[in-house]
Amino acid sequence: MSSSDLAAVVVTVCVVVALVALIAVLTQAFALMREFRRKLEDFDAKVGPALGQLADTAEMAQTEIGRLRDLLNIAQKVAGLAESAGAGAARIAGVPVDKVRAAAEALRGKFGGTESETSAGSEEAGR
């Protein structure tokens, strides 16, 4: 056997070993890709419905936030009305009592005499 024949055999053996190694690496890569695809499909199967539920929950939260905003607006209006009513009540309570008493005396004088006449008349009726 000549050296060229020996070199051809060695090169052939090296090529066969390299091809076997390449086939082994490619087989592992394909297996890894299949495993990765299966894991990705499992993930999608689990996460897909959760994302749908999350979207529904976010929509419901937006609705509730809108309702809460409406309630706060109503509460502000009620507070404004209560403040106005309180100011009106304070004005009414601020009227001096003697002015009210004088007005009452004037009305009694117009419609039925003064309080002293009314009480005197009831005393005479009692005798």
C-alpha atoms as a PDB file:
ATOM      1  CA  MET A   1       0.000   0.000   0.000  1.00  0.00           C
ATOM      2  CA  SER A   2       1.380   3.237  -1.033  1.00  0.00           C
ATOM      3  CA  SER A   3       1.285   6.464   0.911  1.00  0.00           C
ATOM      4  CA  SER A   4      -1.340   7.918  -1.380  1.00  0.00           C
ATOM      5  CA  ASP A   5      -3.575   4.923  -0.716  1.00  0.00           C
ATOM      6  CA  LEU A   6      -2.962   5.292   3.004  1.00  0.00           C
ATOM      7  CA  ALA A   7      -3.772   8.997   2.812  1.00  0.00           C
ATOM      8  CA  ALA A   8      -6.960   8.239   0.904  1.00  0.00           C
ATOM      9  CA  VAL A   9      -8.031   5.729   3.567  1.00  0.00           C
ATOM     10  CA  VAL A  10      -7.211   8.143   6.398  1.00  0.00           C
ATOM     11  CA  VAL A  11      -9.047  10.994   4.680  1.00  0.00           C
ATOM     12  CA  THR A  12     -12.029   8.739   4.004  1.00  0.00           C
ATOM     13  CA  VAL A  13     -12.127   7.608   7.629  1.00  0.00           C
ATOM     14  CA  CYS A  14     -11.848  11.223   8.814  1.00  0.00           C
ATOM     15  CA  VAL A  15     -14.631  12.290   6.477  1.00  0.00           C
ATOM     16  CA  VAL A  16     -16.847   9.426   7.681  1.00  0.00           C
ATOM     17  CA  VAL A  17     -16.131  10.313  11.326  1.00  0.00           C
ATOM     18  CA  ALA A  18     -16.821  13.981  10.602  1.00  0.00           C
ATOM     19  CA  LEU A  19     -20.092  13.098   8.847  1.00  0.00           C
ATOM     20  CA  VAL A  20     -21.147  10.858  11.750  1.00  0.00           C
ATOM     21  CA  ALA A  21     -20.334  13.661  14.198  1.00  0.00           C
ATOM     22  CA  LEU A  22     -22.211  16.154  12.031  1.00  0.00           C
ATOM     23  CA  ILE A  23     -25.211  13.826  11.814  1.00  0.00           C
ATOM     24  CA  ALA A  24     -25.136  13.374  15.614  1.00  0.00           C
ATOM     25  CA  VAL A  25     -24.999  17.140  16.163  1.00  0.00           C
ATOM     26  CA  LEU A  26     -27.818  17.757  13.680  1.00  0.00           C
ATOM     27  CA  THR A  27     -29.921  15.013  15.279  1.00  0.00           C
ATOM     28  CA  GLN A  28     -29.432  16.652  18.686  1.00  0.00           C
ATOM     29  CA  ALA A  29     -30.282  20.052  17.207  1.00  0.00           C
ATOM     30  CA  PHE A  30     -33.483  18.721  15.647  1.00  0.00           C
ATOM     31  CA  ALA A  31     -34.445  17.022  18.919  1.00  0.00           C
ATOM     32  CA  LEU A  32     -33.780  20.264  20.762  1.00  0.00           C
ATOM     33  CA  MET A  33     -35.885  22.197  18.255  1.00  0.00           C
ATOM     34  CA  ARG A  34     -38.775  19.713  18.628  1.00  0.00           C
ATOM     35  CA  GLU A  35     -38.562  20.003  22.421  1.00  0.00           C
ATOM     36  CA  PHE A  36     -38.457  23.779  22.176  1.00  0.00           C
ATOM     37  CA  ARG A  37     -41.480  23.811  19.869  1.00  0.00           C
ATOM     38  CA  ARG A  38     -43.425  21.509  22.227  1.00  0.00           C
ATOM     39  CA  LYS A  39     -42.583  23.720  25.218  1.00  0.00           C
ATOM     40  CA  LEU A  40     -43.596  26.799  23.255  1.00  0.00           C
ATOM     41  CA  GLU A  41     -46.941  25.219  22.309  1.00  0.00           C
ATOM     42  CA  ASP A  42     -47.550  24.247  25.954  1.00  0.00           C
ATOM     43  CA  PHE A  43     -46.712  27.774  27.016  1.00  0.00           C
ATOM     44  CA  ASP A  44     -49.065  29.195  24.407  1.00  0.00           C
ATOM     45  CA  ALA A  45     -51.827  26.809  25.495  1.00  0.00           C
ATOM     46  CA  LYS A  46     -51.460  27.937  29.108  1.00  0.00           C
ATOM     47  CA  VAL A  47     -50.798  31.631  28.585  1.00  0.00           C
ATOM     48  CA  GLY A  48     -53.272  32.276  25.744  1.00  0.00           C
ATOM     49  CA  PRO A  49     -56.414  31.879  27.886  1.00  0.00           C
ATOM     50  CA  ALA A  50     -54.768  33.772  30.736  1.00  0.00           C
ATOM     51  CA  LEU A  51     -54.080  36.694  28.415  1.00  0.00           C
ATOM     52  CA  GLY A  52     -57.715  36.604  27.292  1.00  0.00           C
ATOM     53  CA  GLN A  53     -58.850  36.680  30.908  1.00  0.00           C
ATOM     54  CA  LEU A  54     -56.406  39.479  31.618  1.00  0.00           C
ATOM     55  CA  ALA A  55     -57.867  41.517  28.768  1.00  0.00           C
ATOM     56  CA  ASP A  56     -61.398  40.911  30.096  1.00  0.00           C
ATOM     57  CA  THR A  57     -60.282  41.879  33.598  1.00  0.00           C
ATOM     58  CA  ALA A  58     -58.647  45.057  32.312  1.00  0.00           C
ATOM     59  CA  GLU A  59     -61.846  45.966  30.455  1.00  0.00           C
ATOM     60  CA  MET A  60     -63.926  45.380  33.585  1.00  0.00           C
ATOM     61  CA  ALA A  61     -61.467  47.481  35.597  1.00  0.00           C
ATOM     62  CA  GLN A  62     -61.821  50.315  33.072  1.00  0.00           C
ATOM     63  CA  THR A  63     -65.612  50.105  33.445  1.00  0.00           C
ATOM     64  CA  GLU A  64     -65.345  50.209  37.234  1.00  0.00           C
ATOM     65  CA  ILE A  65     -62.940  53.155  37.074  1.00  0.00           C
ATOM     66  CA  GLY A  66     -65.475  54.991  34.915  1.00  0.00           C
ATOM     67  CA  ARG A  67     -68.218  54.264  37.434  1.00  0.00           C
ATOM     68  CA  LEU A  68     -65.992  55.427  40.268  1.00  0.00           C
ATOM     69  CA  ARG A  69     -65.219  58.636  38.360  1.00  0.00           C
ATOM     70  CA  ASP A  70     -68.972  59.219  37.929  1.00  0.00           C
ATOM     71  CA  LEU A  71     -69.546  58.606  41.642  1.00  0.00           C
ATOM     72  CA  LEU A  72     -66.812  61.078  42.541  1.00  0.00           C
ATOM     73  CA  ASN A  73     -68.377  63.687  40.264  1.00  0.00           C
ATOM     74  CA  ILE A  74     -71.760  63.129  41.904  1.00  0.00           C
ATOM     75  CA  ALA A  75     -70.161  63.345  45.352  1.00  0.00           C
ATOM     76  CA  GLN A  76     -68.545  66.660  44.401  1.00  0.00           C
ATOM     77  CA  LYS A  77     -71.908  68.004  43.233  1.00  0.00           C
ATOM     78  CA  VAL A  78     -73.577  66.838  46.451  1.00  0.00           C
ATOM     79  CA  ALA A  79     -70.797  68.439  48.496  1.00  0.00           C
ATOM     80  CA  GLY A  80     -71.298  71.693  46.581  1.00  0.00           C
ATOM     81  CA  LEU A  81     -75.045  71.570  47.214  1.00  0.00           C
ATOM     82  CA  ALA A  82     -74.463  70.807  50.890  1.00  0.00           C
ATOM     83  CA  GLU A  83     -72.069  73.728  51.098  1.00  0.00           C
ATOM     84  CA  SER A  84     -74.649  76.017  49.480  1.00  0.00           C
ATOM     85  CA  ALA A  85     -77.343  74.730  51.814  1.00  0.00           C
ATOM     86  CA  GLY A  86     -75.058  75.265  54.786  1.00  0.00           C
ATOM     87  CA  ALA A  87     -74.332  78.824  53.682  1.00  0.00           C
ATOM     88  CA  GLY A  88     -78.065  79.452  53.279  1.00  0.00           C
ATOM     89  CA  ALA A  89     -78.781  77.996  56.706  1.00  0.00           C
ATOM     90  CA  ALA A  90     -76.047  80.155  58.204  1.00  0.00           C
ATOM     91  CA  ARG A  91     -77.608  83.243  56.604  1.00  0.00           C
ATOM     92  CA  ILE A  92     -81.018  82.287  57.931  1.00  0.00           C
ATOM     93  CA  ALA A  93     -79.635  81.576  61.384  1.00  0.00           C
ATOM     94  CA  GLY A  94     -77.764  84.878  61.298  1.00  0.00           C
ATOM     95  CA  VAL A  95     -80.934  86.967  61.169  1.00  0.00           C
ATOM     96  CA  PRO A  96     -81.225  88.699  64.527  1.00  0.00           C
ATOM     97  CA  VAL A  97     -83.887  87.249  66.758  1.00  0.00           C
ATOM     98  CA  ASP A  98     -85.267  90.668  67.663  1.00  0.00           C
ATOM     99  CA  LYS A  99     -86.063  91.375  64.002  1.00  0.00           C
ATOM    100  CA  VAL A 100     -88.007  88.126  63.833  1.00  0.00           C
ATOM    101  CA  ARG A 101     -89.775  88.989  67.083  1.00  0.00           C
ATOM    102  CA  ALA A 102     -90.620  92.480  65.791  1.00  0.00           C
ATOM    103  CA  ALA A 103     -92.007  90.996  62.587  1.00  0.00           C
ATOM    104  CA  ALA A 104     -94.088  88.536  64.596  1.00  0.00           C
ATOM    105  CA  GLU A 105     -95.431  91.356  66.759  1.00  0.00           C
ATOM    106  CA  ALA A 106     -96.324  93.342  63.663  1.00  0.00           C
ATOM    107  CA  LEU A 107     -98.189  90.367  62.211  1.00  0.00           C
ATOM    108  CA  ARG A 108    -100.072  89.765  65.441  1.00  0.00           C
ATOM    109  CA  GLY A 109    -100.989  93.423  65.515  1.00  0.00           C
ATOM    110  CA  LYS A 110    -102.434  93.197  62.021  1.00  0.00           C
ATOM    111  CA  PHE A 111    -104.308  89.924  62.434  1.00  0.00           C
ATOM    112  CA  GLY A 112    -105.414  89.628  65.988  1.00  0.00           C
ATOM    113  CA  GLY A 113    -104.008  92.156  68.319  1.00  0.00           C
ATOM    114  CA  THR A 114    -100.862  92.108  70.350  1.00  0.00           C
ATOM    115  CA  GLU A 115     -99.753  89.264  72.515  1.00  0.00           C
ATOM    116  CA  SER A 116    -100.626  91.178  75.670  1.00  0.00           C
ATOM    117  CA  GLU A 117    -104.175  91.805  74.409  1.00  0.00           C
ATOM    118  CA  THR A 118    -104.577  88.164  73.465  1.00  0.00           C
ATOM    119  CA  SER A 119    -103.402  86.954  76.839  1.00  0.00           C
ATOM    120  CA  ALA A 120    -105.551  89.582  78.628  1.00  0.00           C
ATOM    121  CA  GLY A 121    -108.583  88.529  76.610  1.00  0.00           C
ATOM    122  CA  SER A 122    -108.092  84.915  77.546  1.00  0.00           C
ATOM    123  CA  GLU A 123    -107.778  85.871  81.208  1.00  0.00           C
ATOM    124  CA  GLU A 124    -111.084  87.802  81.052  1.00  0.00           C
ATOM    125  CA  ALA A 125    -112.768  84.889  79.339  1.00  0.00           C
ATOM    126  CA  GLY A 126    -111.569  82.623  82.113  1.00  0.00           C
ATOM    127  CA  ARG A 127    -113.288  84.777  84.843  1.00  0.00           C
END
